[in-house]
């Protein structure tokens, strides 16, 4: 794909800026797009227009909002192939992963507008019979959303879907690493007929410029997907006025494979999730605890499964894995692998840049046996195609080992013993626990415990974060 210039969406208009920055294709190392680097004046325009857009959109009936939101989803699907091509060019995703990423955007738009029809406004009984009390749900306000680079359109859907359905206006900033497909979707939003200021999509390579989005008292909700370090800094910056927060942050997901697990199914599920999106997934298995009795067979099967992957971006035959996002991440992940080996881990497969991929930021799918919890590979989020495997015995408290981590986003358990599964589900400190198969869907709440964030993406619980709960009391019997 040749280099293209993109525009931001502010106050219903597609706008440029005084300067731009480049976006690189991680599969080819070529520049594939130039995007605006927003100015301070444009940030102020964004805030003003979002406030004005809120005044209009929050008063628009749900029926009319639903009509526009569904029209937007339909228009996006009419441009599906073009958007996916852009997405692949900026992320290096294989086709099936890119199609999933795109599909989650339209799924979220449609799901949240349907869920908005099911929001209740409960009546509260008055013990003296003098008042009629009820809860009124109203749009919370202006939403500022920062997106992660790994699933640009899924993340866009996670934030824009509930904003629009709830009647909020939104200022969305995609990652400066992968903003192109999101900007294309913003261009299409300008054609649908949303009131000016309801959807604003901006790009920036300078946090000093965008910090007023956080500090402004116009902002009612700050939401993001990213690292714990970035989330803490953003929330600290935003605490200049009272705001709501919904942030999905770092993960370091444990996997427990018990001796009674259906081993081949467990291996396939773990390996496929681990190397999906090149390991650049917040819920990716990161610390794989395998019972000693099945440990050798697990390693054998996992090695074969990983080595059957084909490294490529876009189309291809078989099970595919793309590059990591950039050279800095490639170097960091290779350093994590080398550190683990120096600390006693055994390299089962992978561990280096593939010889047939001199261009692009590829890393071979890597499995490390005999890992331990002191290694960077297990103590920190890898966010790359590396699976550390740790043996445990009946003498170990494997739940305590799994919980020995500051993060608590997701966890996985493989066992055919129902009692063991239920105990693990209760005791594991994670926002999502999947038993015998990793499963995520728009109707299921997604969010973390501990240092993995607050609030939820997906499900009715996410939509509720974009709504206020106003108590109304009417004197009816004086």
Protein backbone atom coordinates (compact mmCIF):
# COMPACT_ATOMS: atom_id res chain seq x y z
CA UNK A 1 0.00 0.00 0.00
CA UNK A 2 1.41 3.39 -0.98
CA UNK A 3 1.83 6.19 1.51
CA UNK A 4 -1.35 8.17 2.17
CA UNK A 5 -2.21 11.35 4.05
CA UNK A 6 -5.01 11.19 6.61
CA UNK A 7 -7.16 13.76 8.40
CA UNK A 8 -8.65 14.07 11.87
CA UNK A 9 -12.35 14.48 12.63
CA UNK A 10 -13.12 17.53 14.81
CA UNK A 11 -16.54 19.15 15.15
CA UNK A 12 -17.90 17.22 12.17
CA UNK A 13 -15.09 18.38 9.85
CA UNK A 14 -12.08 16.53 8.45
CA UNK A 15 -9.06 18.65 9.33
CA UNK A 16 -5.31 18.66 8.88
CA UNK A 17 -2.65 20.14 11.15
CA UNK A 18 0.54 22.18 10.93
CA UNK A 19 2.71 19.07 11.08
CA UNK A 20 2.46 15.32 10.54
CA UNK A 21 4.18 12.14 11.60
CA UNK A 22 4.72 8.85 9.78
CA UNK A 23 3.17 5.43 10.35
CA UNK A 24 5.34 2.39 9.56
CA UNK A 25 4.27 -1.01 8.24
CA UNK A 26 5.89 -3.53 10.64
CA UNK A 27 5.93 -6.23 7.96
CA UNK A 28 7.81 -4.16 5.38
CA UNK A 29 9.36 -1.30 7.41
CA UNK A 30 7.91 1.14 4.88
CA UNK A 31 6.04 4.36 5.58
CA UNK A 32 2.38 3.72 4.76
CA UNK A 33 0.73 6.86 6.08
CA UNK A 34 1.14 10.40 7.33
CA UNK A 35 -1.19 11.66 10.02
CA UNK A 36 -1.75 15.08 11.59
CA UNK A 37 0.04 16.00 14.81
CA UNK A 38 -2.71 17.94 16.56
CA UNK A 39 -2.10 21.47 17.83
CA UNK A 40 -3.05 22.99 21.18
CA UNK A 41 -5.68 25.16 19.49
CA UNK A 42 -7.25 22.08 17.90
CA UNK A 43 -7.39 20.38 21.30
CA UNK A 44 -9.42 23.31 22.62
CA UNK A 45 -11.66 23.11 19.55
CA UNK A 46 -12.15 19.42 20.30
CA UNK A 47 -13.25 20.03 23.86
CA UNK A 48 -15.59 22.85 22.89
CA UNK A 49 -17.17 20.90 20.05
CA UNK A 50 -17.55 17.75 22.19
CA UNK A 51 -19.40 19.79 24.82
CA UNK A 52 -21.70 21.23 22.18
CA UNK A 53 -22.16 17.82 20.61
CA UNK A 54 -23.13 16.41 24.00
CA UNK A 55 -25.85 19.03 24.38
CA UNK A 56 -27.42 17.86 21.12
CA UNK A 57 -26.76 14.11 21.24
CA UNK A 58 -27.85 13.56 24.84
CA UNK A 59 -31.23 15.10 23.96
CA UNK A 60 -31.59 13.01 20.80
CA UNK A 61 -34.03 10.14 21.22
CA UNK A 62 -32.65 6.64 21.52
CA UNK A 63 -34.58 5.68 18.40
CA UNK A 64 -32.82 8.38 16.37
CA UNK A 65 -29.44 7.58 17.91
CA UNK A 66 -29.95 3.92 17.05
CA UNK A 67 -30.80 4.77 13.45
CA UNK A 68 -27.55 6.71 12.97
CA UNK A 69 -25.40 4.18 14.81
CA UNK A 70 -26.73 1.30 12.72
CA UNK A 71 -26.26 3.35 9.55
CA UNK A 72 -22.65 3.91 10.58
CA UNK A 73 -22.08 0.18 11.13
CA UNK A 74 -23.61 -0.53 7.71
CA UNK A 75 -21.39 2.07 6.03
CA UNK A 76 -18.29 0.65 7.69
CA UNK A 77 -19.14 -2.79 6.33
CA UNK A 78 -19.56 -1.37 2.84
CA UNK A 79 -15.92 -0.25 3.10
CA UNK A 80 -14.73 -3.38 4.93
CA UNK A 81 -12.07 -4.49 2.45
CA UNK A 82 -10.54 -1.02 2.19
CA UNK A 83 -10.43 -0.61 5.97
CA UNK A 84 -8.94 -4.05 6.52
CA UNK A 85 -6.23 -3.38 3.92
CA UNK A 86 -5.30 -0.20 5.80
CA UNK A 87 -5.36 -2.07 9.11
CA UNK A 88 -3.01 -4.77 7.81
CA UNK A 89 -0.65 -2.14 6.42
CA UNK A 90 -0.20 -0.46 9.81
CA UNK A 91 -0.26 -3.55 12.06
CA UNK A 92 1.15 -6.42 10.00
CA UNK A 93 -1.80 -8.59 11.05
CA UNK A 94 -2.68 -11.78 9.20
CA UNK A 95 -6.00 -11.54 7.38
CA UNK A 96 -8.07 -13.56 9.85
CA UNK A 97 -6.89 -11.44 12.77
CA UNK A 98 -7.57 -8.22 10.86
CA UNK A 99 -11.07 -9.40 9.96
CA UNK A 100 -11.76 -10.15 13.63
CA UNK A 101 -10.43 -6.72 14.64
CA UNK A 102 -12.71 -4.98 12.13
CA UNK A 103 -15.69 -7.18 12.94
CA UNK A 104 -15.54 -6.28 16.62
CA UNK A 105 -16.02 -2.60 15.76
CA UNK A 106 -19.31 -3.13 13.98
CA UNK A 107 -20.36 -5.76 16.52
CA UNK A 108 -19.79 -3.29 19.37
CA UNK A 109 -21.72 -0.51 17.65
CA UNK A 110 -24.74 -2.75 17.15
CA UNK A 111 -24.51 -4.49 20.52
CA UNK A 112 -24.37 -1.36 22.65
CA UNK A 113 -27.27 0.34 20.90
CA UNK A 114 -29.34 -2.80 21.48
CA UNK A 115 -28.20 -2.93 25.12
CA UNK A 116 -29.25 0.71 25.54
CA UNK A 117 -32.84 -0.41 24.92
CA UNK A 118 -32.54 -2.71 27.93
CA UNK A 119 -31.24 -0.19 30.45
CA UNK A 120 -33.68 -0.12 33.37
CA UNK A 121 -34.78 2.89 35.41
CA UNK A 122 -35.86 1.17 38.63
CA UNK A 123 -38.48 2.41 41.08
CA UNK A 124 -37.46 2.52 44.75
CA UNK A 125 -40.19 1.84 47.29
CA UNK A 126 -40.91 4.65 49.75
CA UNK A 127 -41.55 3.13 53.23
CA UNK A 128 -43.97 5.91 54.19
CA UNK A 129 -45.83 5.91 50.89
CA UNK A 130 -45.35 9.65 50.43
CA UNK A 131 -42.97 9.69 47.47
CA UNK A 132 -42.52 8.04 44.14
CA UNK A 133 -38.78 7.45 43.77
CA UNK A 134 -37.02 6.30 40.62
CA UNK A 135 -33.57 6.24 39.06
CA UNK A 136 -33.12 8.22 35.86
CA UNK A 137 -30.28 7.17 33.58
CA UNK A 138 -28.71 9.99 31.56
CA UNK A 139 -25.60 10.45 29.46
CA UNK A 140 -22.60 10.93 31.74
CA UNK A 141 -20.94 13.61 29.61
CA UNK A 142 -17.91 14.07 27.38
CA UNK A 143 -15.80 10.91 27.06
CA UNK A 144 -12.07 11.00 26.33
CA UNK A 145 -10.73 7.65 25.15
CA UNK A 146 -7.11 6.63 24.52
CA UNK A 147 -6.68 3.44 22.46
CA UNK A 148 -3.97 0.79 22.41
CA UNK A 149 -2.17 -0.11 19.21
CA UNK A 150 -2.67 -3.89 19.21
CA UNK A 151 -6.36 -4.02 18.19
CA UNK A 152 -7.10 -0.53 16.84
CA UNK A 153 -10.66 -1.11 15.64
CA UNK A 154 -11.75 -3.44 18.42
CA UNK A 155 -10.56 -0.83 20.90
CA UNK A 156 -12.38 1.88 18.92
CA UNK A 157 -15.58 -0.14 19.19
CA UNK A 158 -15.08 -0.77 22.91
CA UNK A 159 -15.07 2.99 23.55
CA UNK A 160 -17.19 4.52 20.80
CA UNK A 161 -19.99 1.94 21.03
CA UNK A 162 -21.09 2.70 24.62
CA UNK A 163 -20.41 6.43 24.21
CA UNK A 164 -22.80 6.78 21.28
CA UNK A 165 -25.43 4.44 22.71
CA UNK A 166 -25.49 6.26 26.06
CA UNK A 167 -25.84 9.69 24.45
CA UNK A 168 -22.31 10.86 25.26
CA UNK A 169 -19.97 12.70 22.93
CA UNK A 170 -16.47 11.30 22.48
CA UNK A 171 -12.92 12.41 21.80
CA UNK A 172 -10.96 9.34 20.71
CA UNK A 173 -7.20 9.26 20.34
CA UNK A 174 -5.89 6.11 18.65
CA UNK A 175 -2.31 5.09 19.29
CA UNK A 176 0.20 7.07 17.27
CA UNK A 177 1.58 3.69 16.14
CA UNK A 178 -1.63 2.42 14.51
CA UNK A 179 -4.02 5.32 13.83
CA UNK A 180 -4.75 4.84 10.12
CA UNK A 181 -7.74 2.49 10.05
CA UNK A 182 -9.35 4.43 12.90
CA UNK A 183 -8.96 7.69 10.99
CA UNK A 184 -10.52 6.06 7.94
CA UNK A 185 -13.48 5.02 10.10
CA UNK A 186 -13.70 8.59 11.40
CA UNK A 187 -13.82 9.86 7.81
CA UNK A 188 -16.81 7.61 7.19
CA UNK A 189 -18.49 8.78 10.41
CA UNK A 190 -18.48 12.29 8.97
CA UNK A 191 -20.74 11.04 6.16
CA UNK A 192 -23.43 9.48 8.35
CA UNK A 193 -25.08 12.57 9.78
CA UNK A 194 -24.06 12.55 13.42
CA UNK A 195 -24.38 16.02 14.97
CA UNK A 196 -21.11 17.98 14.89
CA UNK A 197 -18.91 17.28 17.87
CA UNK A 198 -20.43 13.92 18.81
CA UNK A 199 -17.50 11.95 17.38
CA UNK A 200 -14.02 13.48 17.40
CA UNK A 201 -10.99 11.39 16.39
CA UNK A 202 -7.56 12.95 16.74
CA UNK A 203 -3.92 11.97 16.41
CA UNK A 204 -0.88 13.15 18.27
CA UNK A 205 2.73 12.23 18.91
CA UNK A 206 3.02 14.62 21.87
CA UNK A 207 1.36 13.99 25.23
CA UNK A 208 2.11 17.53 26.38
CA UNK A 209 -0.25 18.75 23.68
CA UNK A 210 -3.04 16.28 24.48
CA UNK A 211 -2.86 16.51 28.30
CA UNK A 212 -5.56 19.24 28.39
CA UNK A 213 -8.00 16.51 27.34
CA UNK A 214 -7.30 14.95 30.73
CA UNK A 215 -7.11 18.09 32.84
CA UNK A 216 -10.17 19.84 31.38
CA UNK A 217 -13.27 19.94 33.56
CA UNK A 218 -15.29 19.39 30.36
CA UNK A 219 -14.17 15.76 30.44
CA UNK A 220 -16.52 13.55 32.47
CA UNK A 221 -15.04 10.11 31.77
CA UNK A 222 -11.50 9.13 30.89
CA UNK A 223 -11.17 5.64 29.46
CA UNK A 224 -8.18 3.87 27.98
CA UNK A 225 -6.59 0.57 27.09
CA UNK A 226 -2.86 0.37 27.70
CA UNK A 227 -0.10 -0.36 30.17
CA UNK A 228 -0.49 0.06 33.90
CA UNK A 229 2.29 2.64 33.94
CA UNK A 230 0.59 4.72 31.25
CA UNK A 231 -2.79 4.37 32.94
CA UNK A 232 -1.54 5.52 36.34
CA UNK A 233 0.17 8.55 34.81
CA UNK A 234 -2.93 9.50 32.83
CA UNK A 235 -5.20 9.18 35.86
CA UNK A 236 -2.82 11.28 37.94
CA UNK A 237 -2.85 13.92 35.23
CA UNK A 238 -6.65 13.85 35.04
CA UNK A 239 -7.22 14.41 38.76
CA UNK A 240 -7.55 18.18 38.39
CA UNK A 241 -11.32 17.79 38.71
CA UNK A 242 -13.70 14.98 39.63
CA UNK A 243 -13.89 12.49 36.76
CA UNK A 244 -14.92 8.92 36.16
CA UNK A 245 -12.35 6.34 35.07
CA UNK A 246 -12.62 3.11 33.12
CA UNK A 247 -9.19 1.75 32.29
CA UNK A 248 -8.09 -1.69 31.11
CA UNK A 249 -4.40 -1.95 31.89
CA UNK A 250 -1.58 -4.49 32.00
CA UNK A 251 -1.95 -8.24 32.27
CA UNK A 252 0.27 -11.20 33.07
CA UNK A 253 -2.17 -14.06 32.69
CA UNK A 254 -1.47 -17.36 34.45
CA UNK A 255 -2.45 -20.71 32.96
CA UNK A 256 -2.85 -23.81 35.12
CA UNK A 257 -2.79 -27.18 33.38
CA UNK A 258 -3.69 -29.89 35.88
CA UNK A 259 -2.74 -33.55 35.52
CA UNK A 260 -6.29 -34.50 34.52
CA UNK A 261 -6.60 -31.94 31.69
CA UNK A 262 -7.49 -32.98 28.14
CA UNK A 263 -3.94 -32.25 27.18
CA UNK A 264 -4.01 -31.91 23.41
CA UNK A 265 -7.03 -29.59 23.53
CA UNK A 266 -5.37 -27.57 26.28
CA UNK A 267 -2.13 -27.23 24.31
CA UNK A 268 -3.90 -26.16 21.14
CA UNK A 269 -5.97 -23.57 22.99
CA UNK A 270 -3.02 -22.15 24.93
CA UNK A 271 -0.62 -22.03 21.97
CA UNK A 272 -3.18 -20.51 19.62
CA UNK A 273 -4.08 -17.78 22.11
CA UNK A 274 -0.43 -17.16 23.01
CA UNK A 275 0.70 -16.60 19.45
CA UNK A 276 -2.46 -14.91 18.24
CA UNK A 277 -1.63 -11.34 17.19
CA UNK A 278 2.04 -12.26 17.74
CA UNK A 279 1.45 -12.42 21.49
CA UNK A 280 0.44 -8.76 21.53
CA UNK A 281 -2.78 -9.38 23.45
CA UNK A 282 -3.56 -8.16 26.96
CA UNK A 283 -5.15 -11.51 27.87
CA UNK A 284 -2.37 -13.60 26.32
CA UNK A 285 -1.18 -16.60 28.41
CA UNK A 286 2.05 -15.50 30.01
CA UNK A 287 2.89 -17.84 32.92
CA UNK A 288 2.03 -21.42 32.01
CA UNK A 289 2.01 -23.74 35.05
CA UNK A 290 1.89 -27.40 33.97
CA UNK A 291 1.67 -30.38 36.33
CA UNK A 292 4.90 -32.38 36.36
CA UNK A 293 3.16 -35.61 35.31
CA UNK A 294 2.08 -34.14 31.95
CA UNK A 295 4.88 -31.57 31.60
CA UNK A 296 7.08 -33.47 29.09
CA UNK A 297 4.13 -34.28 26.84
CA UNK A 298 2.86 -30.69 27.08
CA UNK A 299 6.24 -29.36 25.91
CA UNK A 300 6.33 -31.85 23.03
CA UNK A 301 2.85 -30.96 21.82
CA UNK A 302 3.33 -27.21 22.29
CA UNK A 303 6.57 -27.29 20.32
CA UNK A 304 4.90 -29.00 17.38
CA UNK A 305 1.93 -26.63 17.48
CA UNK A 306 4.13 -23.53 17.57
CA UNK A 307 6.41 -24.73 14.80
CA UNK A 308 3.44 -25.27 12.48
CA UNK A 309 2.79 -21.52 12.34
CA UNK A 310 3.61 -19.57 9.18
CA UNK A 311 5.03 -16.09 9.61
CA UNK A 312 3.40 -13.56 7.31
CA UNK A 313 1.15 -10.50 7.17
CA UNK A 314 -2.14 -10.40 5.28
CA UNK A 315 -3.15 -13.47 3.28
CA UNK A 316 -1.51 -16.86 3.55
CA UNK A 317 -2.11 -20.58 3.93
CA UNK A 318 -2.43 -22.35 7.25
CA UNK A 319 -2.15 -20.87 10.75
CA UNK A 320 -0.50 -17.47 10.49
CA UNK A 321 1.44 -15.13 12.77
CA UNK A 322 2.56 -11.62 11.84
CA UNK A 323 5.42 -9.42 13.03
CA UNK A 324 5.58 -7.52 16.29
CA UNK A 325 4.77 -3.84 16.05
CA UNK A 326 8.19 -2.18 15.72
CA UNK A 327 11.94 -2.52 16.08
CA UNK A 328 11.94 -1.34 19.69
CA UNK A 329 9.48 -4.09 20.67
CA UNK A 330 11.38 -6.67 18.64
CA UNK A 331 14.61 -5.82 20.47
CA UNK A 332 12.89 -5.76 23.86
CA UNK A 333 11.27 -9.18 23.38
CA UNK A 334 14.49 -10.75 22.12
CA UNK A 335 16.14 -9.36 25.27
CA UNK A 336 13.47 -11.00 27.43
CA UNK A 337 14.18 -14.35 25.73
CA UNK A 338 17.94 -14.05 26.19
CA UNK A 339 17.51 -13.03 29.83
CA UNK A 340 15.35 -16.09 30.48
CA UNK A 341 17.88 -18.43 28.89
CA UNK A 342 20.70 -16.84 30.91
CA UNK A 343 18.57 -17.37 34.03
CA UNK A 344 18.15 -21.09 33.41
CA UNK A 345 15.24 -21.45 31.01
CA UNK A 346 15.53 -24.01 28.21
CA UNK A 347 14.84 -22.80 24.68
CA UNK A 348 12.45 -25.36 23.21
CA UNK A 349 11.84 -23.60 19.90
CA UNK A 350 12.18 -20.18 18.31
CA UNK A 351 14.03 -17.43 20.14
CA UNK A 352 15.34 -15.40 17.25
CA UNK A 353 14.55 -13.42 14.13
CA UNK A 354 13.65 -15.87 11.34
CA UNK A 355 16.39 -16.23 8.76
CA UNK A 356 13.95 -15.83 5.86
CA UNK A 357 12.52 -12.54 7.24
CA UNK A 358 15.36 -9.99 7.03
CA UNK A 359 12.77 -7.24 6.53
CA UNK A 360 9.97 -6.70 9.02
CA UNK A 361 9.89 -7.04 12.79
CA UNK A 362 9.34 -10.78 12.98
CA UNK A 363 10.23 -13.07 15.88
CA UNK A 364 9.92 -16.83 15.76
CA UNK A 365 7.18 -18.27 18.00
CA UNK A 366 9.15 -19.10 21.12
CA UNK A 367 8.64 -21.63 23.93
CA UNK A 368 10.77 -21.55 27.08
CA UNK A 369 10.76 -24.63 29.31
CA UNK A 370 11.93 -24.74 32.94
CA UNK A 371 11.04 -21.09 33.50
CA UNK A 372 10.78 -19.65 37.00
CA UNK A 373 8.97 -16.71 38.58
CA UNK A 374 12.13 -14.64 39.02
CA UNK A 375 12.60 -14.16 35.27
CA UNK A 376 11.48 -11.03 33.44
CA UNK A 377 9.58 -13.36 31.11
CA UNK A 378 7.24 -14.35 33.95
CA UNK A 379 7.35 -11.37 36.29
CA UNK A 380 6.46 -8.80 33.61
CA UNK A 381 4.01 -8.72 30.74
CA UNK A 382 5.83 -10.06 27.67
CA UNK A 383 3.44 -8.75 25.02
CA UNK A 384 5.15 -10.85 22.42
CA UNK A 385 5.30 -14.40 20.97
CA UNK A 386 6.99 -16.07 23.95
CA UNK A 387 5.45 -18.81 26.13
CA UNK A 388 7.29 -19.55 29.41
CA UNK A 389 6.35 -22.93 30.91
CA UNK A 390 6.78 -23.80 34.60
CA UNK A 391 6.46 -27.26 36.14
CA UNK A 392 4.52 -27.72 39.38
CA UNK A 393 3.83 -30.67 41.66
CA UNK A 394 1.10 -31.69 44.11
CA UNK A 395 3.24 -30.17 46.86
CA UNK A 396 2.94 -26.70 45.30
CA UNK A 397 0.12 -24.26 45.98
CA UNK A 398 -0.32 -23.50 42.29
CA UNK A 399 -3.16 -21.03 42.91
CA UNK A 400 -0.86 -19.00 45.17
CA UNK A 401 1.85 -19.12 42.49
CA UNK A 402 -0.62 -17.92 39.89
CA UNK A 403 -1.78 -15.08 42.16
CA UNK A 404 1.77 -13.98 42.96
CA UNK A 405 1.58 -11.05 40.56
CA UNK A 406 0.54 -7.40 40.68
CA UNK A 407 -1.76 -7.89 37.69
CA UNK A 408 -5.16 -9.56 37.60
CA UNK A 409 -6.71 -9.32 34.16
CA UNK A 410 -7.25 -12.90 32.98
CA UNK A 411 -6.50 -16.46 34.04
CA UNK A 412 -6.96 -19.89 32.48
CA UNK A 413 -7.50 -23.33 33.99
CA UNK A 414 -7.51 -26.72 32.27
CA UNK A 415 -8.97 -29.64 34.22
CA UNK A 416 -11.74 -32.23 33.94
CA UNK A 417 -12.40 -32.12 37.69
CA UNK A 418 -15.41 -29.86 38.33
CA UNK A 419 -14.59 -29.27 42.00
CA UNK A 420 -11.02 -28.29 41.14
CA UNK A 421 -12.27 -25.98 38.39
CA UNK A 422 -14.76 -24.23 40.68
CA UNK A 423 -12.18 -23.79 43.44
CA UNK A 424 -9.69 -22.30 40.99
CA UNK A 425 -12.35 -19.96 39.59
CA UNK A 426 -13.15 -18.72 43.09
CA UNK A 427 -9.57 -18.31 44.28
CA UNK A 428 -7.81 -16.89 41.23
CA UNK A 429 -7.39 -13.10 41.42
CA UNK A 430 -8.42 -12.08 37.92
CA UNK A 431 -11.24 -10.19 36.27
CA UNK A 432 -11.88 -13.10 33.89
CA UNK A 433 -11.28 -16.80 34.53
CA UNK A 434 -11.73 -19.19 31.61
CA UNK A 435 -12.03 -22.93 32.29
CA UNK A 436 -10.91 -25.34 29.53
CA UNK A 437 -11.17 -22.78 26.74
CA UNK A 438 -10.32 -19.11 26.39
CA UNK A 439 -13.47 -17.23 25.50
CA UNK A 440 -14.21 -13.53 25.04
CA UNK A 441 -17.33 -11.90 23.60
CA UNK A 442 -18.99 -8.49 23.51
CA UNK A 443 -21.74 -9.48 25.96
CA UNK A 444 -19.21 -10.61 28.60
CA UNK A 445 -17.61 -8.04 30.94
CA UNK A 446 -13.90 -7.54 30.37
CA UNK A 447 -11.70 -5.82 32.92
CA UNK A 448 -9.15 -6.46 35.62
CA UNK A 449 -8.43 -6.62 39.31
CA UNK A 450 -5.40 -5.33 41.23
CA UNK A 451 -3.13 -3.28 38.93
CA UNK A 452 -4.97 -4.34 35.78
CA UNK A 453 -7.42 -1.46 35.93
CA UNK A 454 -10.88 -0.39 37.00
CA UNK A 455 -14.19 -0.61 35.17
CA UNK A 456 -15.27 -2.85 32.33
CA UNK A 457 -15.24 -3.02 28.57
CA UNK A 458 -18.02 -4.95 26.82
CA UNK A 459 -21.36 -6.06 28.34
CA UNK A 460 -24.06 -4.03 30.04
CA UNK A 461 -21.59 -3.24 32.81
CA UNK A 462 -19.54 -1.16 30.39
CA UNK A 463 -22.57 0.77 29.12
CA UNK A 464 -23.56 1.65 32.69
CA UNK A 465 -20.24 3.46 33.15
CA UNK A 466 -21.29 5.95 30.45
CA UNK A 467 -24.56 6.74 32.25
CA UNK A 468 -25.34 8.70 35.41
CA UNK A 469 -27.74 7.43 38.06
CA UNK A 470 -29.96 10.33 39.04
CA UNK A 471 -32.39 9.74 41.90
CA UNK A 472 -35.75 11.46 41.40
CA UNK A 473 -38.33 11.77 44.25
CA UNK A 474 -41.84 13.08 43.59
CA UNK A 475 -44.17 13.88 46.48
CA UNK A 476 -47.42 12.08 45.71
CA UNK A 477 -49.16 11.78 49.11
CA UNK A 478 -48.71 14.79 51.40
